[in-house]
Amino acid sequence: MDPANVQAAASAAGAALLGGPFAVGMAAIGPGIGIGLMTAAFFNASARQPEMQGNMTTYYFITLGVVELLGLFGFVTYFLLSGVAKQLLTAAQLLGS
């Protein structure tokens, strides 16, 4: 029941609780910029060569899915960190009692 252990567990839980929303925010910025640039390039290429639009559409949607997957990684990271934070808070409460 060392107070230093309780303080360390509470500090780690606080960092995990703050890191989760930060990870989601950072993970949302990248795909947002990537999808915007990719869509602009797709429409620009379609306007320049309309006959190639059918071929480009397949690659566009495949790449769109890959880029969107990066945002999903952020959500998974958030849920993992929030679960770790709950476990650390429980451990800190147990150590403190």
PDB file of N, CA and C in Angstrom:
ATOM      1  N   MET A   1       0.801  -1.182   0.000  1.00  0.00           N
ATOM      2  CA  MET A   1       0.000   0.000   0.000  1.00  0.00           C
ATOM      3  C   MET A   1       0.856   1.263   0.000  1.00  0.00           C
ATOM      4  N   ASP A   2       1.876   1.236  -0.805  1.00  0.00           N
ATOM      5  CA  ASP A   2       2.796   2.361  -0.889  1.00  0.00           C
ATOM      6  C   ASP A   2       2.106   3.531  -1.605  1.00  0.00           C
ATOM      7  N   PRO A   3       2.128   4.725  -1.055  1.00  0.00           N
ATOM      8  CA  PRO A   3       1.499   5.872  -1.726  1.00  0.00           C
ATOM      9  C   PRO A   3       2.116   6.184  -3.086  1.00  0.00           C
ATOM     10  N   ALA A   4       3.378   5.854  -3.274  1.00  0.00           N
ATOM     11  CA  ALA A   4       4.014   6.092  -4.574  1.00  0.00           C
ATOM     12  C   ALA A   4       3.399   5.200  -5.651  1.00  0.00           C
ATOM     13  N   ASN A   5       3.063   3.960  -5.283  1.00  0.00           N
ATOM     14  CA  ASN A   5       2.415   3.059  -6.252  1.00  0.00           C
ATOM     15  C   ASN A   5       1.024   3.540  -6.612  1.00  0.00           C
ATOM     16  N   VAL A   6       0.296   4.037  -5.629  1.00  0.00           N
ATOM     17  CA  VAL A   6      -1.049   4.560  -5.888  1.00  0.00           C
ATOM     18  C   VAL A   6      -0.959   5.782  -6.791  1.00  0.00           C
ATOM     19  N   GLN A   7       0.001   6.662  -6.506  1.00  0.00           N
ATOM     20  CA  GLN A   7       0.182   7.862  -7.322  1.00  0.00           C
ATOM     21  C   GLN A   7       0.573   7.490  -8.755  1.00  0.00           C
ATOM     22  N   ALA A   8       1.434   6.496  -8.918  1.00  0.00           N
ATOM     23  CA  ALA A   8       1.866   6.074 -10.255  1.00  0.00           C
ATOM     24  C   ALA A   8       0.703   5.467 -11.038  1.00  0.00           C
ATOM     25  N   ALA A   9      -0.105   4.657 -10.379  1.00  0.00           N
ATOM     26  CA  ALA A   9      -1.253   4.048 -11.065  1.00  0.00           C
ATOM     27  C   ALA A   9      -2.280   5.104 -11.454  1.00  0.00           C
ATOM     28  N   ALA A  10      -2.526   6.064 -10.565  1.00  0.00           N
ATOM     29  CA  ALA A  10      -3.485   7.121 -10.878  1.00  0.00           C
ATOM     30  C   ALA A  10      -2.961   8.013 -11.997  1.00  0.00           C
ATOM     31  N   SER A  11      -1.669   8.277 -12.001  1.00  0.00           N
ATOM     32  CA  SER A  11      -1.076   9.095 -13.051  1.00  0.00           C
ATOM     33  C   SER A  11      -1.147   8.393 -14.401  1.00  0.00           C
ATOM     34  N   ALA A  12      -0.883   7.095 -14.417  1.00  0.00           N
ATOM     35  CA  ALA A  12      -0.964   6.333 -15.666  1.00  0.00           C
ATOM     36  C   ALA A  12      -2.398   6.271 -16.176  1.00  0.00           C
ATOM     37  N   ALA A  13      -3.349   6.143 -15.262  1.00  0.00           N
ATOM     38  CA  ALA A  13      -4.756   6.118 -15.672  1.00  0.00           C
ATOM     39  C   ALA A  13      -5.168   7.458 -16.254  1.00  0.00           C
ATOM     40  N   GLY A  14      -4.707   8.539 -15.631  1.00  0.00           N
ATOM     41  CA  GLY A  14      -5.029   9.865 -16.158  1.00  0.00           C
ATOM     42  C   GLY A  14      -4.433  10.090 -17.535  1.00  0.00           C
ATOM     43  N   ALA A  15      -3.210   9.631 -17.734  1.00  0.00           N
ATOM     44  CA  ALA A  15      -2.580   9.763 -19.055  1.00  0.00           C
ATOM     45  C   ALA A  15      -3.330   8.949 -20.101  1.00  0.00           C
ATOM     46  N   ALA A  16      -3.803   7.768 -19.718  1.00  0.00           N
ATOM     47  CA  ALA A  16      -4.555   6.941 -20.665  1.00  0.00           C
ATOM     48  C   ALA A  16      -5.902   7.576 -20.989  1.00  0.00           C
ATOM     49  N   LEU A  17      -6.539   8.195 -20.006  1.00  0.00           N
ATOM     50  CA  LEU A  17      -7.821   8.846 -20.255  1.00  0.00           C
ATOM     51  C   LEU A  17      -7.663  10.077 -21.145  1.00  0.00           C
ATOM     52  N   LEU A  18      -6.556  10.780 -21.023  1.00  0.00           N
ATOM     53  CA  LEU A  18      -6.303  11.929 -21.889  1.00  0.00           C
ATOM     54  C   LEU A  18      -5.785  11.503 -23.255  1.00  0.00           C
ATOM     55  N   GLY A  19      -5.078  10.405 -23.310  1.00  0.00           N
ATOM     56  CA  GLY A  19      -4.502   9.949 -24.570  1.00  0.00           C
ATOM     57  C   GLY A  19      -5.525   9.379 -25.531  1.00  0.00           C
ATOM     58  N   GLY A  20      -6.610   8.837 -25.019  1.00  0.00           N
ATOM     59  CA  GLY A  20      -7.631   8.245 -25.881  1.00  0.00           C
ATOM     60  C   GLY A  20      -8.280   9.252 -26.817  1.00  0.00           C
ATOM     61  N   PRO A  21      -8.886  10.313 -26.284  1.00  0.00           N
ATOM     62  CA  PRO A  21      -9.476  11.316 -27.187  1.00  0.00           C
ATOM     63  C   PRO A  21      -8.441  11.991 -28.088  1.00  0.00           C
ATOM     64  N   PHE A  22      -7.228  12.159 -27.582  1.00  0.00           N
ATOM     65  CA  PHE A  22      -6.169  12.741 -28.417  1.00  0.00           C
ATOM     66  C   PHE A  22      -5.854  11.827 -29.599  1.00  0.00           C
ATOM     67  N   ALA A  23      -5.812  10.521 -29.360  1.00  0.00           N
ATOM     68  CA  ALA A  23      -5.546   9.567 -30.435  1.00  0.00           C
ATOM     69  C   ALA A  23      -6.655   9.579 -31.476  1.00  0.00           C
ATOM     70  N   VAL A  24      -7.893   9.697 -31.033  1.00  0.00           N
ATOM     71  CA  VAL A  24      -9.014   9.748 -31.981  1.00  0.00           C
ATOM     72  C   VAL A  24      -8.930  11.017 -32.817  1.00  0.00           C
ATOM     73  N   GLY A  25      -8.609  12.134 -32.169  1.00  0.00           N
ATOM     74  CA  GLY A  25      -8.500  13.385 -32.914  1.00  0.00           C
ATOM     75  C   GLY A  25      -7.390  13.361 -33.944  1.00  0.00           C
ATOM     76  N   MET A  26      -6.240  12.856 -33.546  1.00  0.00           N
ATOM     77  CA  MET A  26      -5.117  12.774 -34.487  1.00  0.00           C
ATOM     78  C   MET A  26      -5.405  11.774 -35.605  1.00  0.00           C
ATOM     79  N   ALA A  27      -6.101  10.701 -35.269  1.00  0.00           N
ATOM     80  CA  ALA A  27      -6.419   9.696 -36.284  1.00  0.00           C
ATOM     81  C   ALA A  27      -7.483  10.183 -37.253  1.00  0.00           C
ATOM     82  N   ALA A  28      -8.286  11.151 -36.849  1.00  0.00           N
ATOM     83  CA  ALA A  28      -9.313  11.678 -37.741  1.00  0.00           C
ATOM     84  C   ALA A  28      -8.750  12.726 -38.697  1.00  0.00           C
ATOM     85  N   ILE A  29      -7.688  13.400 -38.297  1.00  0.00           N
ATOM     86  CA  ILE A  29      -7.113  14.442 -39.152  1.00  0.00           C
ATOM     87  C   ILE A  29      -6.470  13.841 -40.404  1.00  0.00           C
ATOM     88  N   GLY A  30      -5.708  12.784 -40.223  1.00  0.00           N
ATOM     89  CA  GLY A  30      -5.004  12.176 -41.361  1.00  0.00           C
ATOM     90  C   GLY A  30      -5.929  11.672 -42.452  1.00  0.00           C
ATOM     91  N   PRO A  31      -6.912  10.821 -42.129  1.00  0.00           N
ATOM     92  CA  PRO A  31      -7.824  10.368 -43.174  1.00  0.00           C
ATOM     93  C   PRO A  31      -8.658  11.499 -43.779  1.00  0.00           C
ATOM     94  N   GLY A  32      -8.982  12.497 -42.971  1.00  0.00           N
ATOM     95  CA  GLY A  32      -9.752  13.624 -43.511  1.00  0.00           C
ATOM     96  C   GLY A  32      -8.981  14.361 -44.599  1.00  0.00           C
ATOM     97  N   ILE A  33      -7.717  14.637 -44.329  1.00  0.00           N
ATOM     98  CA  ILE A  33      -6.877  15.302 -45.324  1.00  0.00           C
ATOM     99  C   ILE A  33      -6.633  14.379 -46.511  1.00  0.00           C
ATOM    100  N   GLY A  34      -6.350  13.107 -46.227  1.00  0.00           N
ATOM    101  CA  GLY A  34      -6.068  12.156 -47.303  1.00  0.00           C
ATOM    102  C   GLY A  34      -7.246  11.955 -48.242  1.00  0.00           C
ATOM    103  N   ILE A  35      -8.426  11.817 -47.683  1.00  0.00           N
ATOM    104  CA  ILE A  35      -9.618  11.613 -48.512  1.00  0.00           C
ATOM    105  C   ILE A  35      -9.914  12.866 -49.331  1.00  0.00           C
ATOM    106  N   GLY A  36      -9.722  14.032 -48.726  1.00  0.00           N
ATOM    107  CA  GLY A  36      -9.951  15.276 -49.467  1.00  0.00           C
ATOM    108  C   GLY A  36      -9.009  15.430 -50.648  1.00  0.00           C
ATOM    109  N   LEU A  37      -7.728  15.179 -50.423  1.00  0.00           N
ATOM    110  CA  LEU A  37      -6.753  15.287 -51.517  1.00  0.00           C
ATOM    111  C   LEU A  37      -6.993  14.226 -52.594  1.00  0.00           C
ATOM    112  N   MET A  38      -7.331  13.027 -52.150  1.00  0.00           N
ATOM    113  CA  MET A  38      -7.553  11.946 -53.098  1.00  0.00           C
ATOM    114  C   MET A  38      -8.796  12.217 -53.958  1.00  0.00           C
ATOM    115  N   THR A  39      -9.847  12.722 -53.341  1.00  0.00           N
ATOM    116  CA  THR A  39     -11.071  13.015 -54.091  1.00  0.00           C
ATOM    117  C   THR A  39     -10.846  14.152 -55.076  1.00  0.00           C
ATOM    118  N   ALA A  40     -10.097  15.174 -54.650  1.00  0.00           N
ATOM    119  CA  ALA A  40      -9.791  16.274 -55.562  1.00  0.00           C
ATOM    120  C   ALA A  40      -8.997  15.770 -56.766  1.00  0.00           C
ATOM    121  N   ALA A  41      -8.022  14.901 -56.522  1.00  0.00           N
ATOM    122  CA  ALA A  41      -7.222  14.360 -57.624  1.00  0.00           C
ATOM    123  C   ALA A  41      -8.068  13.477 -58.537  1.00  0.00           C
ATOM    124  N   PHE A  42      -8.999  12.723 -57.947  1.00  0.00           N
ATOM    125  CA  PHE A  42      -9.862  11.851 -58.757  1.00  0.00           C
ATOM    126  C   PHE A  42     -10.749  12.689 -59.685  1.00  0.00           C
ATOM    127  N   PHE A  43     -11.365  13.735 -59.143  1.00  0.00           N
ATOM    128  CA  PHE A  43     -12.238  14.573 -59.975  1.00  0.00           C
ATOM    129  C   PHE A  43     -11.432  15.340 -61.023  1.00  0.00           C
ATOM    130  N   ASN A  44     -10.241  15.763 -60.672  1.00  0.00           N
ATOM    131  CA  ASN A  44      -9.397  16.456 -61.632  1.00  0.00           C
ATOM    132  C   ASN A  44      -9.008  15.523 -62.769  1.00  0.00           C
ATOM    133  N   ALA A  45      -8.631  14.295 -62.424  1.00  0.00           N
ATOM    134  CA  ALA A  45      -8.267  13.331 -63.462  1.00  0.00           C
ATOM    135  C   ALA A  45      -9.474  12.946 -64.313  1.00  0.00           C
ATOM    136  N   SER A  46     -10.644  12.848 -63.692  1.00  0.00           N
ATOM    137  CA  SER A  46     -11.857  12.499 -64.447  1.00  0.00           C
ATOM    138  C   SER A  46     -12.249  13.621 -65.398  1.00  0.00           C
ATOM    139  N   ALA A  47     -12.003  14.849 -64.992  1.00  0.00           N
ATOM    140  CA  ALA A  47     -12.326  15.979 -65.868  1.00  0.00           C
ATOM    141  C   ALA A  47     -11.355  16.055 -67.045  1.00  0.00           C
ATOM    142  N   ARG A  48     -10.096  15.688 -66.816  1.00  0.00           N
ATOM    143  CA  ARG A  48      -9.108  15.744 -67.894  1.00  0.00           C
ATOM    144  C   ARG A  48      -9.277  14.598 -68.887  1.00  0.00           C
ATOM    145  N   GLN A  49      -9.567  13.397 -68.369  1.00  0.00           N
ATOM    146  CA  GLN A  49      -9.733  12.234 -69.243  1.00  0.00           C
ATOM    147  C   GLN A  49     -10.988  11.464 -68.829  1.00  0.00           C
ATOM    148  N   PRO A  50     -12.143  11.876 -69.315  1.00  0.00           N
ATOM    149  CA  PRO A  50     -13.396  11.213 -68.913  1.00  0.00           C
ATOM    150  C   PRO A  50     -13.462   9.744 -69.320  1.00  0.00           C
ATOM    151  N   GLU A  51     -12.743   9.351 -70.360  1.00  0.00           N
ATOM    152  CA  GLU A  51     -12.803   7.956 -70.815  1.00  0.00           C
ATOM    153  C   GLU A  51     -12.112   7.004 -69.843  1.00  0.00           C
ATOM    154  N   MET A  52     -11.278   7.515 -68.956  1.00  0.00           N
ATOM    155  CA  MET A  52     -10.586   6.671 -67.979  1.00  0.00           C
ATOM    156  C   MET A  52     -11.305   6.598 -66.636  1.00  0.00           C
ATOM    157  N   GLN A  53     -12.447   7.221 -66.532  1.00  0.00           N
ATOM    158  CA  GLN A  53     -13.132   7.290 -65.241  1.00  0.00           C
ATOM    159  C   GLN A  53     -13.529   5.912 -64.721  1.00  0.00           C
ATOM    160  N   GLY A  54     -13.938   5.021 -65.585  1.00  0.00           N
ATOM    161  CA  GLY A  54     -14.323   3.677 -65.155  1.00  0.00           C
ATOM    162  C   GLY A  54     -13.173   2.908 -64.519  1.00  0.00           C
ATOM    163  N   ASN A  55     -11.987   3.042 -65.100  1.00  0.00           N
ATOM    164  CA  ASN A  55     -10.813   2.354 -64.552  1.00  0.00           C
ATOM    165  C   ASN A  55     -10.374   2.980 -63.232  1.00  0.00           C
ATOM    166  N   MET A  56     -10.445   4.294 -63.152  1.00  0.00           N
ATOM    167  CA  MET A  56      -9.976   4.990 -61.944  1.00  0.00           C
ATOM    168  C   MET A  56     -10.920   4.809 -60.764  1.00  0.00           C
ATOM    169  N   THR A  57     -12.202   4.607 -61.040  1.00  0.00           N
ATOM    170  CA  THR A  57     -13.176   4.510 -59.956  1.00  0.00           C
ATOM    171  C   THR A  57     -12.883   3.314 -59.049  1.00  0.00           C
ATOM    172  N   THR A  58     -12.509   2.204 -59.632  1.00  0.00           N
ATOM    173  CA  THR A  58     -12.183   1.016 -58.835  1.00  0.00           C
ATOM    174  C   THR A  58     -11.019   1.289 -57.901  1.00  0.00           C
ATOM    175  N   TYR A  59      -9.955   1.873 -58.430  1.00  0.00           N
ATOM    176  CA  TYR A  59      -8.785   2.190 -57.597  1.00  0.00           C
ATOM    177  C   TYR A  59      -9.098   3.256 -56.561  1.00  0.00           C
ATOM    178  N   TYR A  60      -9.967   4.178 -56.937  1.00  0.00           N
ATOM    179  CA  TYR A  60     -10.367   5.239 -55.998  1.00  0.00           C
ATOM    180  C   TYR A  60     -11.050   4.641 -54.768  1.00  0.00           C
ATOM    181  N   PHE A  61     -11.997   3.752 -54.969  1.00  0.00           N
ATOM    182  CA  PHE A  61     -12.731   3.194 -53.829  1.00  0.00           C
ATOM    183  C   PHE A  61     -11.878   2.228 -53.001  1.00  0.00           C
ATOM    184  N   ILE A  62     -10.967   1.512 -53.631  1.00  0.00           N
ATOM    185  CA  ILE A  62     -10.053   0.660 -52.869  1.00  0.00           C
ATOM    186  C   ILE A  62      -9.159   1.513 -51.981  1.00  0.00           C
ATOM    187  N   THR A  63      -8.608   2.574 -52.553  1.00  0.00           N
ATOM    188  CA  THR A  63      -7.746   3.469 -51.786  1.00  0.00           C
ATOM    189  C   THR A  63      -8.544   4.205 -50.718  1.00  0.00           C
ATOM    190  N   LEU A  64      -9.768   4.553 -51.006  1.00  0.00           N
ATOM    191  CA  LEU A  64     -10.636   5.206 -50.024  1.00  0.00           C
ATOM    192  C   LEU A  64     -10.830   4.308 -48.802  1.00  0.00           C
ATOM    193  N   GLY A  65     -11.018   3.035 -49.022  1.00  0.00           N
ATOM    194  CA  GLY A  65     -11.166   2.098 -47.901  1.00  0.00           C
ATOM    195  C   GLY A  65      -9.904   1.968 -47.076  1.00  0.00           C
ATOM    196  N   VAL A  66      -8.748   1.958 -47.739  1.00  0.00           N
ATOM    197  CA  VAL A  66      -7.479   1.852 -47.024  1.00  0.00           C
ATOM    198  C   VAL A  66      -7.230   3.102 -46.182  1.00  0.00           C
ATOM    199  N   VAL A  67      -7.508   4.261 -46.743  1.00  0.00           N
ATOM    200  CA  VAL A  67      -7.303   5.514 -46.007  1.00  0.00           C
ATOM    201  C   VAL A  67      -8.279   5.601 -44.836  1.00  0.00           C
ATOM    202  N   GLU A  68      -9.495   5.174 -45.038  1.00  0.00           N
ATOM    203  CA  GLU A  68     -10.487   5.228 -43.959  1.00  0.00           C
ATOM    204  C   GLU A  68     -10.130   4.269 -42.829  1.00  0.00           C
ATOM    205  N   LEU A  69      -9.420   3.216 -43.150  1.00  0.00           N
ATOM    206  CA  LEU A  69      -8.989   2.263 -42.129  1.00  0.00           C
ATOM    207  C   LEU A  69      -8.083   2.924 -41.094  1.00  0.00           C
ATOM    208  N   LEU A  70      -7.332   3.924 -41.496  1.00  0.00           N
ATOM    209  CA  LEU A  70      -6.480   4.648 -40.556  1.00  0.00           C
ATOM    210  C   LEU A  70      -7.310   5.322 -39.468  1.00  0.00           C
ATOM    211  N   GLY A  71      -8.454   5.863 -39.835  1.00  0.00           N
ATOM    212  CA  GLY A  71      -9.337   6.463 -38.841  1.00  0.00           C
ATOM    213  C   GLY A  71      -9.899   5.426 -37.885  1.00  0.00           C
ATOM    214  N   LEU A  72     -10.188   4.244 -38.389  1.00  0.00           N
ATOM    215  CA  LEU A  72     -10.694   3.182 -37.521  1.00  0.00           C
ATOM    216  C   LEU A  72      -9.645   2.726 -36.520  1.00  0.00           C
ATOM    217  N   PHE A  73      -8.372   2.764 -36.911  1.00  0.00           N
ATOM    218  CA  PHE A  73      -7.309   2.433 -35.968  1.00  0.00           C
ATOM    219  C   PHE A  73      -7.323   3.379 -34.777  1.00  0.00           C
ATOM    220  N   GLY A  74      -7.642   4.636 -35.017  1.00  0.00           N
ATOM    221  CA  GLY A  74      -7.728   5.603 -33.924  1.00  0.00           C
ATOM    222  C   GLY A  74      -8.840   5.261 -32.957  1.00  0.00           C
ATOM    223  N   PHE A  75      -9.985   4.846 -33.474  1.00  0.00           N
ATOM    224  CA  PHE A  75     -11.088   4.464 -32.593  1.00  0.00           C
ATOM    225  C   PHE A  75     -10.744   3.217 -31.782  1.00  0.00           C
ATOM    226  N   VAL A  76     -10.081   2.266 -32.418  1.00  0.00           N
ATOM    227  CA  VAL A  76      -9.669   1.060 -31.696  1.00  0.00           C
ATOM    228  C   VAL A  76      -8.676   1.425 -30.601  1.00  0.00           C
ATOM    229  N   THR A  77      -7.757   2.328 -30.904  1.00  0.00           N
ATOM    230  CA  THR A  77      -6.789   2.779 -29.907  1.00  0.00           C
ATOM    231  C   THR A  77      -7.496   3.436 -28.733  1.00  0.00           C
ATOM    232  N   TYR A  78      -8.509   4.227 -29.016  1.00  0.00           N
ATOM    233  CA  TYR A  78      -9.261   4.882 -27.943  1.00  0.00           C
ATOM    234  C   TYR A  78      -9.909   3.849 -27.022  1.00  0.00           C
ATOM    235  N   PHE A  79     -10.553   2.858 -27.596  1.00  0.00           N
ATOM    236  CA  PHE A  79     -11.231   1.861 -26.765  1.00  0.00           C
ATOM    237  C   PHE A  79     -10.232   1.019 -25.978  1.00  0.00           C
ATOM    238  N   LEU A  80      -9.082   0.747 -26.572  1.00  0.00           N
ATOM    239  CA  LEU A  80      -8.052   0.015 -25.831  1.00  0.00           C
ATOM    240  C   LEU A  80      -7.515   0.843 -24.670  1.00  0.00           C
ATOM    241  N   LEU A  81      -7.253   2.123 -24.919  1.00  0.00           N
ATOM    242  CA  LEU A  81      -6.739   2.983 -23.855  1.00  0.00           C
ATOM    243  C   LEU A  81      -7.765   3.224 -22.761  1.00  0.00           C
ATOM    244  N   SER A  82      -9.029   3.335 -23.124  1.00  0.00           N
ATOM    245  CA  SER A  82     -10.042   3.555 -22.090  1.00  0.00           C
ATOM    246  C   SER A  82     -10.206   2.297 -21.234  1.00  0.00           C
ATOM    247  N   GLY A  83     -10.046   1.116 -21.829  1.00  0.00           N
ATOM    248  CA  GLY A  83     -10.101  -0.114 -21.042  1.00  0.00           C
ATOM    249  C   GLY A  83      -8.925  -0.234 -20.098  1.00  0.00           C
ATOM    250  N   VAL A  84      -7.743   0.156 -20.568  1.00  0.00           N
ATOM    251  CA  VAL A  84      -6.555   0.138 -19.717  1.00  0.00           C
ATOM    252  C   VAL A  84      -6.707   1.139 -18.590  1.00  0.00           C
ATOM    253  N   ALA A  85      -7.273   2.305 -18.893  1.00  0.00           N
ATOM    254  CA  ALA A  85      -7.450   3.327 -17.862  1.00  0.00           C
ATOM    255  C   ALA A  85      -8.403   2.849 -16.771  1.00  0.00           C
ATOM    256  N   LYS A  86      -9.456   2.158 -17.155  1.00  0.00           N
ATOM    257  CA  LYS A  86     -10.386   1.642 -16.154  1.00  0.00           C
ATOM    258  C   LYS A  86      -9.706   0.608 -15.253  1.00  0.00           C
ATOM    259  N   GLN A  87      -8.873  -0.239 -15.838  1.00  0.00           N
ATOM    260  CA  GLN A  87      -8.153  -1.234 -15.059  1.00  0.00           C
ATOM    261  C   GLN A  87      -7.162  -0.565 -14.109  1.00  0.00           C
ATOM    262  N   LEU A  88      -6.484   0.488 -14.594  1.00  0.00           N
ATOM    263  CA  LEU A  88      -5.522   1.187 -13.744  1.00  0.00           C
ATOM    264  C   LEU A  88      -6.221   1.932 -12.605  1.00  0.00           C
ATOM    265  N   LEU A  89      -7.372   2.516 -12.897  1.00  0.00           N
ATOM    266  CA  LEU A  89      -8.119   3.184 -11.830  1.00  0.00           C
ATOM    267  C   LEU A  89      -8.586   2.197 -10.773  1.00  0.00           C
ATOM    268  N   THR A  90      -9.026   1.038 -11.207  1.00  0.00           N
ATOM    269  CA  THR A  90      -9.429   0.005 -10.259  1.00  0.00           C
ATOM    270  C   THR A  90      -8.247  -0.453  -9.409  1.00  0.00           C
ATOM    271  N   ALA A  91      -7.085  -0.609 -10.044  1.00  0.00           N
ATOM    272  CA  ALA A  91      -5.890  -1.017  -9.312  1.00  0.00           C
ATOM    273  C   ALA A  91      -5.472   0.068  -8.307  1.00  0.00           C
ATOM    274  N   ALA A  92      -5.598   1.330  -8.724  1.00  0.00           N
ATOM    275  CA  ALA A  92      -5.231   2.410  -7.807  1.00  0.00           C
ATOM    276  C   ALA A  92      -6.169   2.468  -6.600  1.00  0.00           C
ATOM    277  N   GLN A  93      -7.445   2.200  -6.844  1.00  0.00           N
ATOM    278  CA  GLN A  93      -8.401   2.189  -5.737  1.00  0.00           C
ATOM    279  C   GLN A  93      -8.112   1.012  -4.798  1.00  0.00           C
ATOM    280  N   LEU A  94      -7.753  -0.134  -5.380  1.00  0.00           N
ATOM    281  CA  LEU A  94      -7.422  -1.276  -4.543  1.00  0.00           C
ATOM    282  C   LEU A  94      -6.144  -1.050  -3.731  1.00  0.00           C
ATOM    283  N   LEU A  95      -5.162  -0.394  -4.360  1.00  0.00           N
ATOM    284  CA  LEU A  95      -3.923  -0.126  -3.661  1.00  0.00           C
ATOM    285  C   LEU A  95      -4.098   0.916  -2.565  1.00  0.00           C
ATOM    286  N   GLY A  96      -5.027   1.844  -2.819  1.00  0.00           N
ATOM    287  CA  GLY A  96      -5.238   2.914  -1.844  1.00  0.00           C
ATOM    288  C   GLY A  96      -6.016   2.460  -0.617  1.00  0.00           C
ATOM    289  N   SER A  97      -6.764   1.394  -0.754  1.00  0.00           N
ATOM    290  CA  SER A  97      -7.581   0.959   0.401  1.00  0.00           C
ATOM    291  C   SER A  97      -6.843   0.037   1.328  1.00  0.00           C
TER     292      SER A  97
END
